[in-house]
Amino acid sequence: MCGRYTLKTSGDELARQFELADVPQLTPRYNIAPTQEVPVVRLRDEQHRLDMMRWGLIPSWAKDRSVGARMINARAETLAEKPSFRTAFRQRRCLVPADGFYEWLTQGKSKQPYHIHLADSPVFGLAGLWEFWRSPQGEPVLSCTIITTAANELMQPLHDRMPVIIPAAHYTAWLDPQQPLEVLSDLLQPYSAEQMRAYAVSPFVSNANNEGEACIASLA
């Protein structure tokens, strides 16, 4: 799964990497957690634009927003079938910028957190879906989910799932609503383990209320 990640990259670098129409002004984040507002890249007015969305997809037919807390991730293998995700998979795909994510290794009764990142890129795009929902009171809410797939060799000791990382060369294809689903499905693969790195960090990050550089400080 993917339940916590980091985004400390500058707005200038994000604009360059994702070819954004505008340079975003974002506060560095070291412990992004579900149900929080997160930056998302989507195709809007035929341009790549960054918008803030609630992490945890709320289907348009949901009665209340609480369902989003259970939909922070979507399995790549069943996107085309699940009623909660199939329409968004066809029409509302997005990229969730990140420069690292966390996973926990179970060691007896304790869990050791690890920070995972790419070896040769300061930031990358996680495959996501977005949705528009309106509350019974009429409040509009944009929400998103992160797609997961089977773990690669690096991730397998930590978890049997990992977030789908879209290669930069395929950002435009992923966001294009005209892309055939067969082409998109080919992108939902485990990222190369050789191009990823993982290191142990302090249990400080396990508390979602904790923030700052201490979250990613290596224990080595």
N, C-alpha and C. Protein backbone atom coordinates (compact mmCIF):
# COMPACT_ATOMS: atom_id res chain seq x y z
N MET A 1 0.84 -1.19 0.00
CA MET A 1 0.00 0.00 0.00
C MET A 1 0.88 1.24 0.00
N CYS A 2 0.26 2.39 0.00
CA CYS A 2 0.98 3.65 0.17
C CYS A 2 0.14 4.50 1.11
N GLY A 3 0.63 4.65 2.36
CA GLY A 3 -0.15 5.35 3.36
C GLY A 3 0.52 6.58 3.92
N ARG A 4 1.74 6.89 3.47
CA ARG A 4 2.44 8.08 3.95
C ARG A 4 3.53 8.41 2.94
N TYR A 5 3.74 9.67 2.64
CA TYR A 5 4.80 10.03 1.70
C TYR A 5 5.32 11.44 1.96
N THR A 6 6.35 11.83 1.20
CA THR A 6 7.00 13.14 1.37
C THR A 6 6.94 13.94 0.08
N LEU A 7 6.92 15.26 0.23
CA LEU A 7 7.05 16.17 -0.91
C LEU A 7 7.67 17.47 -0.39
N LYS A 8 8.98 17.52 -0.49
CA LYS A 8 9.73 18.69 -0.03
C LYS A 8 10.36 19.44 -1.19
N THR A 9 10.12 18.97 -2.41
CA THR A 9 10.68 19.57 -3.62
C THR A 9 10.14 20.98 -3.83
N SER A 10 10.97 21.87 -4.35
CA SER A 10 10.57 23.26 -4.58
C SER A 10 9.51 23.36 -5.68
N GLY A 11 8.76 24.46 -5.65
CA GLY A 11 7.75 24.70 -6.68
C GLY A 11 8.36 24.83 -8.06
N ASP A 12 9.54 25.45 -8.14
CA ASP A 12 10.21 25.59 -9.44
C ASP A 12 10.55 24.23 -10.03
N GLU A 13 11.05 23.32 -9.19
CA GLU A 13 11.41 21.99 -9.67
C GLU A 13 10.17 21.20 -10.07
N LEU A 14 9.09 21.34 -9.31
CA LEU A 14 7.84 20.66 -9.67
C LEU A 14 7.32 21.16 -11.01
N ALA A 15 7.37 22.48 -11.21
CA ALA A 15 6.89 23.05 -12.47
C ALA A 15 7.71 22.52 -13.64
N ARG A 16 9.01 22.35 -13.43
CA ARG A 16 9.87 21.86 -14.50
C ARG A 16 9.62 20.38 -14.77
N GLN A 17 9.58 19.59 -13.73
CA GLN A 17 9.43 18.15 -13.89
C GLN A 17 8.07 17.75 -14.48
N PHE A 18 7.02 18.48 -14.10
CA PHE A 18 5.67 18.10 -14.53
C PHE A 18 5.12 19.04 -15.60
N GLU A 19 5.95 19.95 -16.11
CA GLU A 19 5.55 20.88 -17.16
C GLU A 19 4.27 21.62 -16.79
N LEU A 20 4.27 22.18 -15.58
CA LEU A 20 3.09 22.86 -15.07
C LEU A 20 2.92 24.24 -15.71
N ALA A 21 1.67 24.64 -15.85
CA ALA A 21 1.37 25.96 -16.43
C ALA A 21 1.77 27.07 -15.46
N ASP A 22 1.75 26.79 -14.16
CA ASP A 22 2.11 27.78 -13.14
C ASP A 22 3.07 27.16 -12.13
N VAL A 23 3.87 27.99 -11.48
CA VAL A 23 4.78 27.51 -10.44
C VAL A 23 4.04 27.51 -9.11
N PRO A 24 3.87 26.36 -8.48
CA PRO A 24 3.12 26.30 -7.21
C PRO A 24 3.94 26.80 -6.03
N GLN A 25 3.27 27.30 -5.04
CA GLN A 25 3.90 27.72 -3.79
C GLN A 25 3.47 26.72 -2.71
N LEU A 26 4.36 25.81 -2.37
CA LEU A 26 4.02 24.74 -1.45
C LEU A 26 4.97 24.73 -0.25
N THR A 27 4.45 24.36 0.89
CA THR A 27 5.27 24.16 2.08
C THR A 27 5.86 22.77 2.03
N PRO A 28 7.17 22.61 2.26
CA PRO A 28 7.77 21.26 2.28
C PRO A 28 7.05 20.37 3.28
N ARG A 29 6.77 19.13 2.86
CA ARG A 29 6.06 18.18 3.73
C ARG A 29 6.89 16.90 3.85
N TYR A 30 7.02 16.41 5.08
CA TYR A 30 7.83 15.23 5.35
C TYR A 30 7.00 14.05 5.86
N ASN A 31 5.70 14.24 6.02
CA ASN A 31 4.88 13.17 6.58
C ASN A 31 3.42 13.36 6.15
N ILE A 32 3.19 13.30 4.86
CA ILE A 32 1.84 13.48 4.31
C ILE A 32 1.01 12.24 4.61
N ALA A 33 -0.19 12.45 5.14
CA ALA A 33 -1.03 11.33 5.60
C ALA A 33 -2.42 11.39 4.96
N PRO A 34 -3.12 10.26 4.94
CA PRO A 34 -4.47 10.20 4.39
C PRO A 34 -5.42 11.21 5.02
N THR A 35 -6.38 11.65 4.22
CA THR A 35 -7.43 12.64 4.50
C THR A 35 -6.90 14.08 4.52
N GLN A 36 -5.57 14.26 4.37
CA GLN A 36 -5.03 15.61 4.28
C GLN A 36 -5.17 16.13 2.85
N GLU A 37 -5.03 17.45 2.70
CA GLU A 37 -5.02 18.07 1.38
C GLU A 37 -3.64 17.85 0.75
N VAL A 38 -3.62 17.33 -0.47
CA VAL A 38 -2.35 17.03 -1.14
C VAL A 38 -2.34 17.63 -2.54
N PRO A 39 -1.15 18.00 -3.06
CA PRO A 39 -1.06 18.53 -4.41
C PRO A 39 -1.15 17.42 -5.45
N VAL A 40 -1.93 17.67 -6.48
CA VAL A 40 -2.19 16.69 -7.53
C VAL A 40 -2.05 17.37 -8.89
N VAL A 41 -1.41 16.70 -9.83
CA VAL A 41 -1.28 17.22 -11.19
C VAL A 41 -2.32 16.55 -12.07
N ARG A 42 -3.08 17.35 -12.79
CA ARG A 42 -4.07 16.81 -13.72
C ARG A 42 -4.11 17.68 -14.97
N LEU A 43 -4.75 17.16 -16.01
CA LEU A 43 -4.92 17.91 -17.24
C LEU A 43 -6.18 18.75 -17.12
N ARG A 44 -6.00 20.07 -17.18
CA ARG A 44 -7.14 20.98 -17.07
C ARG A 44 -6.93 22.12 -18.03
N ASP A 45 -7.94 22.40 -18.87
CA ASP A 45 -7.82 23.42 -19.93
C ASP A 45 -6.63 23.12 -20.82
N GLU A 46 -6.42 21.80 -21.09
CA GLU A 46 -5.37 21.33 -21.98
C GLU A 46 -3.96 21.68 -21.49
N GLN A 47 -3.82 21.90 -20.20
CA GLN A 47 -2.52 22.17 -19.60
C GLN A 47 -2.35 21.35 -18.34
N HIS A 48 -1.09 21.06 -17.98
CA HIS A 48 -0.82 20.39 -16.72
C HIS A 48 -0.93 21.40 -15.60
N ARG A 49 -1.87 21.17 -14.70
CA ARG A 49 -2.09 22.11 -13.60
C ARG A 49 -2.07 21.37 -12.27
N LEU A 50 -1.62 22.07 -11.24
CA LEU A 50 -1.56 21.49 -9.91
C LEU A 50 -2.71 22.02 -9.06
N ASP A 51 -3.48 21.09 -8.49
CA ASP A 51 -4.61 21.44 -7.63
C ASP A 51 -4.48 20.69 -6.32
N MET A 52 -5.07 21.22 -5.27
CA MET A 52 -5.10 20.56 -3.97
C MET A 52 -6.34 19.69 -3.86
N MET A 53 -6.16 18.46 -3.40
CA MET A 53 -7.27 17.52 -3.25
C MET A 53 -7.14 16.76 -1.94
N ARG A 54 -8.26 16.26 -1.48
CA ARG A 54 -8.29 15.46 -0.25
C ARG A 54 -7.82 14.05 -0.58
N TRP A 55 -6.83 13.54 0.17
CA TRP A 55 -6.32 12.19 -0.10
C TRP A 55 -7.27 11.16 0.51
N GLY A 56 -7.93 10.41 -0.37
CA GLY A 56 -8.95 9.44 -0.01
C GLY A 56 -10.14 9.69 -0.91
N LEU A 57 -10.24 8.91 -1.99
CA LEU A 57 -11.23 9.21 -3.03
C LEU A 57 -12.66 9.02 -2.53
N ILE A 58 -13.48 10.03 -2.79
CA ILE A 58 -14.91 9.99 -2.44
C ILE A 58 -15.69 9.83 -3.74
N PRO A 59 -16.27 8.66 -4.01
CA PRO A 59 -17.04 8.48 -5.24
C PRO A 59 -18.19 9.48 -5.33
N SER A 60 -18.56 9.84 -6.53
CA SER A 60 -19.61 10.84 -6.73
C SER A 60 -20.93 10.43 -6.10
N TRP A 61 -21.15 9.11 -5.94
CA TRP A 61 -22.41 8.62 -5.40
C TRP A 61 -22.38 8.42 -3.89
N ALA A 62 -21.25 8.71 -3.24
CA ALA A 62 -21.14 8.48 -1.80
C ALA A 62 -22.11 9.38 -1.02
N LYS A 63 -22.61 8.87 0.09
CA LYS A 63 -23.53 9.65 0.93
C LYS A 63 -22.80 10.64 1.82
N ASP A 64 -21.56 10.29 2.23
CA ASP A 64 -20.78 11.22 3.04
C ASP A 64 -19.30 11.00 2.77
N ARG A 65 -18.47 11.92 3.21
CA ARG A 65 -17.06 11.91 2.88
C ARG A 65 -16.25 10.86 3.65
N SER A 66 -16.83 10.26 4.66
CA SER A 66 -16.07 9.32 5.48
C SER A 66 -15.59 8.12 4.68
N VAL A 67 -16.26 7.79 3.58
CA VAL A 67 -15.85 6.66 2.76
C VAL A 67 -14.45 6.87 2.20
N GLY A 68 -14.05 8.13 2.02
CA GLY A 68 -12.73 8.42 1.45
C GLY A 68 -11.58 7.88 2.28
N ALA A 69 -11.75 7.78 3.59
CA ALA A 69 -10.68 7.28 4.46
C ALA A 69 -10.33 5.84 4.14
N ARG A 70 -11.25 5.11 3.51
CA ARG A 70 -11.01 3.71 3.15
C ARG A 70 -10.54 3.57 1.71
N MET A 71 -10.41 4.69 1.00
CA MET A 71 -10.05 4.63 -0.42
C MET A 71 -8.83 5.47 -0.72
N ILE A 72 -7.82 5.36 0.15
CA ILE A 72 -6.57 6.09 -0.10
C ILE A 72 -5.76 5.43 -1.19
N ASN A 73 -5.99 4.12 -1.41
CA ASN A 73 -5.30 3.36 -2.45
C ASN A 73 -6.31 2.62 -3.31
N ALA A 74 -5.91 2.37 -4.56
CA ALA A 74 -6.72 1.58 -5.49
C ALA A 74 -5.81 0.54 -6.14
N ARG A 75 -6.23 -0.70 -6.13
CA ARG A 75 -5.40 -1.78 -6.71
C ARG A 75 -5.43 -1.71 -8.22
N ALA A 76 -4.25 -1.73 -8.84
CA ALA A 76 -4.14 -1.63 -10.30
C ALA A 76 -4.89 -2.75 -11.00
N GLU A 77 -4.88 -3.94 -10.40
CA GLU A 77 -5.45 -5.11 -11.04
C GLU A 77 -6.97 -5.05 -11.21
N THR A 78 -7.65 -4.21 -10.41
CA THR A 78 -9.11 -4.20 -10.44
C THR A 78 -9.71 -2.83 -10.76
N LEU A 79 -8.89 -1.91 -11.25
CA LEU A 79 -9.38 -0.55 -11.53
C LEU A 79 -10.55 -0.54 -12.50
N ALA A 80 -10.46 -1.36 -13.53
CA ALA A 80 -11.48 -1.34 -14.58
C ALA A 80 -12.79 -1.99 -14.13
N GLU A 81 -12.79 -2.66 -12.97
CA GLU A 81 -13.98 -3.38 -12.52
C GLU A 81 -14.68 -2.70 -11.35
N LYS A 82 -13.91 -2.15 -10.43
CA LYS A 82 -14.49 -1.60 -9.20
C LYS A 82 -15.36 -0.38 -9.49
N PRO A 83 -16.61 -0.37 -9.04
CA PRO A 83 -17.49 0.78 -9.28
C PRO A 83 -16.91 2.09 -8.74
N SER A 84 -16.13 2.02 -7.67
CA SER A 84 -15.57 3.23 -7.07
C SER A 84 -14.50 3.88 -7.95
N PHE A 85 -13.86 3.08 -8.83
CA PHE A 85 -12.69 3.58 -9.55
C PHE A 85 -12.79 3.51 -11.07
N ARG A 86 -13.68 2.69 -11.63
CA ARG A 86 -13.61 2.41 -13.05
C ARG A 86 -13.86 3.64 -13.92
N THR A 87 -14.80 4.50 -13.54
CA THR A 87 -15.04 5.70 -14.35
C THR A 87 -13.87 6.67 -14.24
N ALA A 88 -13.34 6.83 -13.04
CA ALA A 88 -12.19 7.71 -12.86
C ALA A 88 -10.98 7.18 -13.62
N PHE A 89 -10.82 5.87 -13.68
CA PHE A 89 -9.71 5.28 -14.44
C PHE A 89 -9.81 5.65 -15.91
N ARG A 90 -11.01 5.69 -16.43
CA ARG A 90 -11.19 6.05 -17.84
C ARG A 90 -11.06 7.55 -18.08
N GLN A 91 -11.52 8.35 -17.14
CA GLN A 91 -11.70 9.77 -17.44
C GLN A 91 -10.95 10.75 -16.52
N ARG A 92 -10.55 10.33 -15.33
CA ARG A 92 -10.00 11.28 -14.36
C ARG A 92 -8.73 10.75 -13.71
N ARG A 93 -7.69 10.65 -14.51
CA ARG A 93 -6.39 10.20 -13.99
C ARG A 93 -5.55 11.41 -13.60
N CYS A 94 -4.66 11.20 -12.65
CA CYS A 94 -3.80 12.29 -12.19
C CYS A 94 -2.45 11.74 -11.78
N LEU A 95 -1.54 12.63 -11.47
CA LEU A 95 -0.23 12.30 -10.93
C LEU A 95 -0.12 12.93 -9.54
N VAL A 96 0.34 12.17 -8.60
CA VAL A 96 0.54 12.69 -7.25
C VAL A 96 2.04 12.88 -7.06
N PRO A 97 2.55 14.12 -7.09
CA PRO A 97 4.00 14.34 -6.95
C PRO A 97 4.50 13.90 -5.59
N ALA A 98 5.65 13.23 -5.58
CA ALA A 98 6.27 12.78 -4.33
C ALA A 98 7.77 12.72 -4.55
N ASP A 99 8.53 12.84 -3.48
CA ASP A 99 9.97 12.61 -3.60
C ASP A 99 10.40 11.45 -2.70
N GLY A 100 9.44 10.79 -2.09
CA GLY A 100 9.70 9.60 -1.30
C GLY A 100 8.42 9.13 -0.65
N PHE A 101 8.42 7.89 -0.18
CA PHE A 101 7.27 7.38 0.56
C PHE A 101 7.77 6.43 1.65
N TYR A 102 6.90 6.09 2.58
CA TYR A 102 7.29 5.26 3.72
C TYR A 102 6.61 3.90 3.68
N GLU A 103 7.32 2.93 4.23
CA GLU A 103 6.72 1.62 4.49
C GLU A 103 7.32 1.10 5.79
N TRP A 104 6.58 0.22 6.47
CA TRP A 104 6.99 -0.27 7.78
C TRP A 104 7.30 -1.76 7.73
N LEU A 105 8.48 -2.13 8.26
CA LEU A 105 8.88 -3.53 8.35
C LEU A 105 8.53 -4.04 9.75
N THR A 106 7.71 -5.10 9.80
CA THR A 106 7.33 -5.68 11.07
C THR A 106 8.49 -6.51 11.63
N GLN A 107 8.90 -6.17 12.85
CA GLN A 107 9.98 -6.89 13.53
C GLN A 107 9.48 -7.31 14.91
N GLY A 108 8.94 -8.52 15.00
CA GLY A 108 8.35 -8.96 16.25
C GLY A 108 7.12 -8.14 16.56
N LYS A 109 7.15 -7.45 17.71
CA LYS A 109 6.01 -6.63 18.11
C LYS A 109 6.18 -5.17 17.70
N SER A 110 7.29 -4.86 17.06
CA SER A 110 7.54 -3.47 16.65
C SER A 110 7.56 -3.35 15.13
N LYS A 111 7.48 -2.12 14.66
CA LYS A 111 7.53 -1.84 13.22
C LYS A 111 8.59 -0.78 12.95
N GLN A 112 9.50 -1.10 12.05
CA GLN A 112 10.58 -0.18 11.69
C GLN A 112 10.23 0.55 10.39
N PRO A 113 10.08 1.87 10.43
CA PRO A 113 9.76 2.60 9.20
C PRO A 113 10.97 2.75 8.29
N TYR A 114 10.70 2.73 6.99
CA TYR A 114 11.72 2.95 5.96
C TYR A 114 11.24 4.06 5.04
N HIS A 115 12.19 4.85 4.56
CA HIS A 115 11.90 5.87 3.56
C HIS A 115 12.42 5.36 2.23
N ILE A 116 11.57 5.38 1.21
CA ILE A 116 11.92 4.86 -0.12
C ILE A 116 11.89 6.01 -1.11
N HIS A 117 12.90 6.07 -1.98
CA HIS A 117 12.97 7.14 -2.98
C HIS A 117 13.67 6.62 -4.23
N LEU A 118 13.69 7.44 -5.28
CA LEU A 118 14.38 7.05 -6.51
C LEU A 118 15.84 7.45 -6.42
N ALA A 119 16.69 6.66 -7.04
CA ALA A 119 18.13 6.90 -6.98
C ALA A 119 18.56 8.08 -7.84
N ASP A 120 17.83 8.33 -8.92
CA ASP A 120 18.33 9.31 -9.89
C ASP A 120 17.32 10.42 -10.23
N SER A 121 16.30 10.61 -9.40
CA SER A 121 15.32 11.66 -9.68
C SER A 121 14.88 12.31 -8.37
N PRO A 122 14.87 13.65 -8.31
CA PRO A 122 14.49 14.33 -7.07
C PRO A 122 13.00 14.25 -6.76
N VAL A 123 12.19 13.98 -7.77
CA VAL A 123 10.74 13.92 -7.58
C VAL A 123 10.16 13.01 -8.65
N PHE A 124 9.01 12.41 -8.35
CA PHE A 124 8.39 11.50 -9.31
C PHE A 124 6.88 11.58 -9.17
N GLY A 125 6.18 11.01 -10.15
CA GLY A 125 4.72 11.06 -10.16
C GLY A 125 4.12 9.71 -9.83
N LEU A 126 3.34 9.65 -8.75
CA LEU A 126 2.60 8.44 -8.43
C LEU A 126 1.30 8.43 -9.23
N ALA A 127 0.95 7.28 -9.77
CA ALA A 127 -0.29 7.16 -10.53
C ALA A 127 -1.48 7.34 -9.61
N GLY A 128 -2.39 8.22 -10.00
CA GLY A 128 -3.56 8.48 -9.17
C GLY A 128 -4.83 8.65 -9.99
N LEU A 129 -5.95 8.67 -9.28
CA LEU A 129 -7.26 8.97 -9.85
C LEU A 129 -7.87 10.08 -9.01
N TRP A 130 -8.71 10.90 -9.64
CA TRP A 130 -9.38 11.95 -8.86
C TRP A 130 -10.88 11.91 -9.11
N GLU A 131 -11.60 12.53 -8.20
CA GLU A 131 -13.06 12.51 -8.28
C GLU A 131 -13.62 13.82 -7.73
N PHE A 132 -14.80 14.18 -8.23
CA PHE A 132 -15.53 15.34 -7.73
C PHE A 132 -16.76 14.84 -6.98
N TRP A 133 -16.96 15.37 -5.77
CA TRP A 133 -18.10 14.98 -4.94
C TRP A 133 -18.71 16.23 -4.35
N ARG A 134 -20.02 16.22 -4.21
CA ARG A 134 -20.70 17.36 -3.58
C ARG A 134 -21.44 16.86 -2.34
N SER A 135 -21.17 17.51 -1.21
CA SER A 135 -21.78 17.10 0.05
C SER A 135 -23.28 17.39 0.03
N PRO A 136 -24.05 16.79 0.95
CA PRO A 136 -25.48 17.10 1.04
C PRO A 136 -25.76 18.58 1.27
N GLN A 137 -24.77 19.30 1.83
CA GLN A 137 -24.92 20.73 2.06
C GLN A 137 -24.49 21.56 0.85
N GLY A 138 -24.04 20.87 -0.21
CA GLY A 138 -23.66 21.57 -1.44
C GLY A 138 -22.19 21.92 -1.55
N GLU A 139 -21.37 21.49 -0.60
CA GLU A 139 -19.94 21.80 -0.63
C GLU A 139 -19.23 20.91 -1.66
N PRO A 140 -18.51 21.51 -2.62
CA PRO A 140 -17.76 20.70 -3.59
C PRO A 140 -16.44 20.21 -2.99
N VAL A 141 -16.11 18.95 -3.24
CA VAL A 141 -14.88 18.37 -2.71
C VAL A 141 -14.16 17.61 -3.82
N LEU A 142 -12.88 17.95 -4.03
CA LEU A 142 -12.03 17.20 -4.93
C LEU A 142 -11.22 16.22 -4.10
N SER A 143 -11.17 14.96 -4.53
CA SER A 143 -10.43 13.95 -3.77
C SER A 143 -9.64 13.06 -4.73
N CYS A 144 -8.69 12.32 -4.17
CA CYS A 144 -7.84 11.48 -5.02
C CYS A 144 -7.46 10.20 -4.30
N THR A 145 -6.96 9.25 -5.07
CA THR A 145 -6.42 8.01 -4.54
C THR A 145 -5.13 7.69 -5.27
N ILE A 146 -4.25 6.91 -4.63
CA ILE A 146 -2.98 6.49 -5.22
C ILE A 146 -3.10 5.02 -5.60
N ILE A 147 -2.71 4.70 -6.83
CA ILE A 147 -2.81 3.34 -7.35
C ILE A 147 -1.61 2.52 -6.87
N THR A 148 -1.88 1.27 -6.48
CA THR A 148 -0.80 0.38 -6.05
C THR A 148 -0.74 -0.85 -6.95
N THR A 149 0.42 -1.50 -6.92
CA THR A 149 0.65 -2.72 -7.69
C THR A 149 1.48 -3.67 -6.85
N ALA A 150 1.85 -4.81 -7.42
CA ALA A 150 2.67 -5.77 -6.69
C ALA A 150 4.04 -5.17 -6.38
N ALA A 151 4.61 -5.54 -5.26
CA ALA A 151 5.91 -5.01 -4.84
C ALA A 151 7.03 -5.55 -5.72
N ASN A 152 8.05 -4.71 -5.94
CA ASN A 152 9.25 -5.18 -6.62
C ASN A 152 10.21 -5.80 -5.60
N GLU A 153 11.40 -6.20 -6.06
CA GLU A 153 12.33 -6.91 -5.18
C GLU A 153 12.78 -6.07 -3.99
N LEU A 154 12.90 -4.77 -4.18
CA LEU A 154 13.30 -3.89 -3.07
C LEU A 154 12.22 -3.83 -2.01
N MET A 155 10.97 -3.76 -2.44
CA MET A 155 9.85 -3.55 -1.53
C MET A 155 9.35 -4.83 -0.87
N GLN A 156 9.58 -5.97 -1.48
CA GLN A 156 8.99 -7.22 -0.98
C GLN A 156 9.28 -7.53 0.48
N PRO A 157 10.50 -7.26 1.01
CA PRO A 157 10.71 -7.51 2.44
C PRO A 157 9.87 -6.61 3.33
N LEU A 158 9.41 -5.47 2.81
CA LEU A 158 8.66 -4.51 3.60
C LEU A 158 7.15 -4.70 3.47
N HIS A 159 6.68 -4.97 2.25
CA HIS A 159 5.24 -5.07 1.99
C HIS A 159 5.04 -5.76 0.65
N ASP A 160 3.86 -6.37 0.45
CA ASP A 160 3.60 -7.04 -0.82
C ASP A 160 3.00 -6.10 -1.87
N ARG A 161 2.80 -4.81 -1.52
CA ARG A 161 2.30 -3.82 -2.46
C ARG A 161 3.22 -2.60 -2.46
N MET A 162 3.14 -1.83 -3.53
CA MET A 162 3.87 -0.57 -3.62
C MET A 162 3.09 0.39 -4.52
N PRO A 163 3.30 1.70 -4.38
CA PRO A 163 2.61 2.63 -5.28
C PRO A 163 3.15 2.53 -6.70
N VAL A 164 2.28 2.74 -7.66
CA VAL A 164 2.69 2.77 -9.06
C VAL A 164 3.39 4.09 -9.33
N ILE A 165 4.64 4.01 -9.80
CA ILE A 165 5.41 5.20 -10.19
C ILE A 165 5.40 5.28 -11.71
N ILE A 166 4.86 6.37 -12.23
CA ILE A 166 4.80 6.55 -13.69
C ILE A 166 6.12 7.15 -14.17
N PRO A 167 6.81 6.52 -15.12
CA PRO A 167 8.03 7.12 -15.66
C PRO A 167 7.74 8.49 -16.26
N ALA A 168 8.66 9.43 -16.10
CA ALA A 168 8.44 10.80 -16.56
C ALA A 168 8.08 10.87 -18.04
N ALA A 169 8.63 9.98 -18.84
CA ALA A 169 8.36 9.99 -20.28
C ALA A 169 6.90 9.68 -20.59
N HIS A 170 6.16 9.15 -19.62
CA HIS A 170 4.77 8.75 -19.85
C HIS A 170 3.77 9.62 -19.09
N TYR A 171 4.21 10.72 -18.51
CA TYR A 171 3.28 11.60 -17.79
C TYR A 171 2.14 12.06 -18.68
N THR A 172 2.47 12.54 -19.87
CA THR A 172 1.46 13.08 -20.77
C THR A 172 0.45 12.00 -21.18
N ALA A 173 0.95 10.80 -21.46
CA ALA A 173 0.06 9.70 -21.85
C ALA A 173 -0.88 9.34 -20.70
N TRP A 174 -0.36 9.31 -19.48
CA TRP A 174 -1.19 8.95 -18.34
C TRP A 174 -2.31 9.96 -18.12
N LEU A 175 -2.03 11.23 -18.33
CA LEU A 175 -3.04 12.26 -18.08
C LEU A 175 -4.01 12.45 -19.24
N ASP A 176 -3.67 11.95 -20.41
CA ASP A 176 -4.48 12.14 -21.61
C ASP A 176 -5.77 11.31 -21.53
N PRO A 177 -6.94 11.94 -21.51
CA PRO A 177 -8.20 11.20 -21.38
C PRO A 177 -8.54 10.36 -22.61
N GLN A 178 -7.82 10.57 -23.71
CA GLN A 178 -8.08 9.81 -24.93
C GLN A 178 -7.27 8.52 -25.03
N GLN A 179 -6.38 8.29 -24.08
CA GLN A 179 -5.54 7.09 -24.15
C GLN A 179 -6.35 5.82 -23.97
N PRO A 180 -6.11 4.80 -24.81
CA PRO A 180 -6.80 3.51 -24.64
C PRO A 180 -6.41 2.87 -23.32
N LEU A 181 -7.35 2.17 -22.69
CA LEU A 181 -7.09 1.55 -21.40
C LEU A 181 -5.98 0.50 -21.48
N GLU A 182 -5.80 -0.13 -22.65
CA GLU A 182 -4.74 -1.13 -22.77
C GLU A 182 -3.37 -0.48 -22.60
N VAL A 183 -3.22 0.72 -23.17
CA VAL A 183 -1.96 1.45 -23.05
C VAL A 183 -1.72 1.84 -21.59
N LEU A 184 -2.76 2.31 -20.94
CA LEU A 184 -2.64 2.74 -19.54
C LEU A 184 -2.32 1.56 -18.64
N SER A 185 -2.93 0.43 -18.89
CA SER A 185 -2.70 -0.75 -18.05
C SER A 185 -1.24 -1.19 -18.10
N ASP A 186 -0.60 -0.98 -19.24
CA ASP A 186 0.82 -1.35 -19.38
C ASP A 186 1.72 -0.49 -18.49
N LEU A 187 1.22 0.68 -18.06
CA LEU A 187 2.02 1.56 -17.21
C LEU A 187 1.91 1.18 -15.73
N LEU A 188 0.96 0.33 -15.41
CA LEU A 188 0.69 0.01 -14.00
C LEU A 188 1.54 -1.17 -13.53
N GLN A 189 2.85 -1.03 -13.68
CA GLN A 189 3.79 -2.09 -13.35
C GLN A 189 4.67 -1.69 -12.17
N PRO A 190 5.26 -2.65 -11.47
CA PRO A 190 6.22 -2.31 -10.42
C PRO A 190 7.41 -1.56 -11.02
N TYR A 191 7.86 -0.52 -10.34
CA TYR A 191 9.00 0.26 -10.82
C TYR A 191 10.27 -0.57 -10.62
N SER A 192 11.29 -0.30 -11.44
CA SER A 192 12.54 -1.04 -11.36
C SER A 192 13.18 -0.92 -9.98
N ALA A 193 13.43 -2.05 -9.33
CA ALA A 193 14.04 -2.03 -8.01
C ALA A 193 15.45 -1.45 -8.04
N GLU A 194 16.15 -1.64 -9.16
CA GLU A 194 17.52 -1.15 -9.28
C GLU A 194 17.58 0.38 -9.25
N GLN A 195 16.46 1.03 -9.57
CA GLN A 195 16.44 2.49 -9.61
C GLN A 195 15.86 3.10 -8.34
N MET A 196 15.69 2.27 -7.29
CA MET A 196 15.10 2.75 -6.04
C MET A 196 16.05 2.48 -4.88
N ARG A 197 15.88 3.26 -3.82
CA ARG A 197 16.69 3.09 -2.62
C ARG A 197 15.75 3.14 -1.39
N ALA A 198 16.15 2.45 -0.32
CA ALA A 198 15.37 2.45 0.92
C ALA A 198 16.33 2.50 2.10
N TYR A 199 15.96 3.24 3.13
CA TYR A 199 16.78 3.29 4.34
C TYR A 199 15.88 3.46 5.56
N ALA A 200 16.36 2.95 6.69
CA ALA A 200 15.59 3.00 7.93
C ALA A 200 15.58 4.41 8.50
N VAL A 201 14.41 4.82 9.02
CA VAL A 201 14.26 6.12 9.66
C VAL A 201 13.66 5.94 11.06
N SER A 202 13.61 7.02 11.81
CA SER A 202 13.13 6.98 13.18
C SER A 202 11.63 6.69 13.25
N PRO A 203 11.19 5.97 14.29
CA PRO A 203 9.75 5.77 14.53
C PRO A 203 9.00 7.09 14.73
N PHE A 204 9.73 8.19 14.82
CA PHE A 204 9.13 9.52 14.91
C PHE A 204 8.10 9.73 13.81
N VAL A 205 8.38 9.18 12.62
CA VAL A 205 7.49 9.39 11.48
C VAL A 205 6.18 8.61 11.62
N SER A 206 6.15 7.62 12.49
CA SER A 206 4.96 6.78 12.61
C SER A 206 3.76 7.55 13.14
N ASN A 207 4.01 8.64 13.84
CA ASN A 207 2.92 9.50 14.30
C ASN A 207 2.62 10.50 13.20
N ALA A 208 1.42 10.43 12.63
CA ALA A 208 1.06 11.30 11.50
C ALA A 208 1.06 12.78 11.86
N ASN A 209 1.07 13.09 13.14
CA ASN A 209 1.10 14.50 13.56
C ASN A 209 2.51 15.08 13.54
N ASN A 210 3.52 14.21 13.42
CA ASN A 210 4.91 14.69 13.41
C ASN A 210 5.31 15.15 12.02
N GLU A 211 6.08 16.23 11.96
CA GLU A 211 6.54 16.78 10.69
C GLU A 211 8.00 17.19 10.82
N GLY A 212 8.63 17.54 9.68
CA GLY A 212 9.98 18.07 9.70
C GLY A 212 11.02 17.07 9.23
N GLU A 213 12.26 17.55 9.12
CA GLU A 213 13.35 16.75 8.57
C GLU A 213 13.67 15.51 9.41
N ALA A 214 13.28 15.52 10.68
CA ALA A 214 13.53 14.36 11.53
C ALA A 214 12.83 13.12 10.98
N CYS A 215 11.78 13.31 10.21
CA CYS A 215 11.04 12.17 9.65
C CYS A 215 11.88 11.37 8.67
N ILE A 216 12.77 12.02 7.95
CA ILE A 216 13.55 11.33 6.91
C ILE A 216 15.01 11.12 7.30
N ALA A 217 15.38 11.47 8.53
CA ALA A 217 16.77 11.30 8.97
C ALA A 217 17.11 9.82 9.04
N SER A 218 18.22 9.45 8.38
CA SER A 218 18.64 8.05 8.36
C SER A 218 19.14 7.59 9.72
N LEU A 219 18.83 6.34 10.06
CA LEU A 219 19.34 5.76 11.31
C LEU A 219 20.75 5.23 11.16
N ALA A 220 21.23 5.11 9.94
CA ALA A 220 22.56 4.57 9.70
C ALA A 220 23.64 5.51 10.21
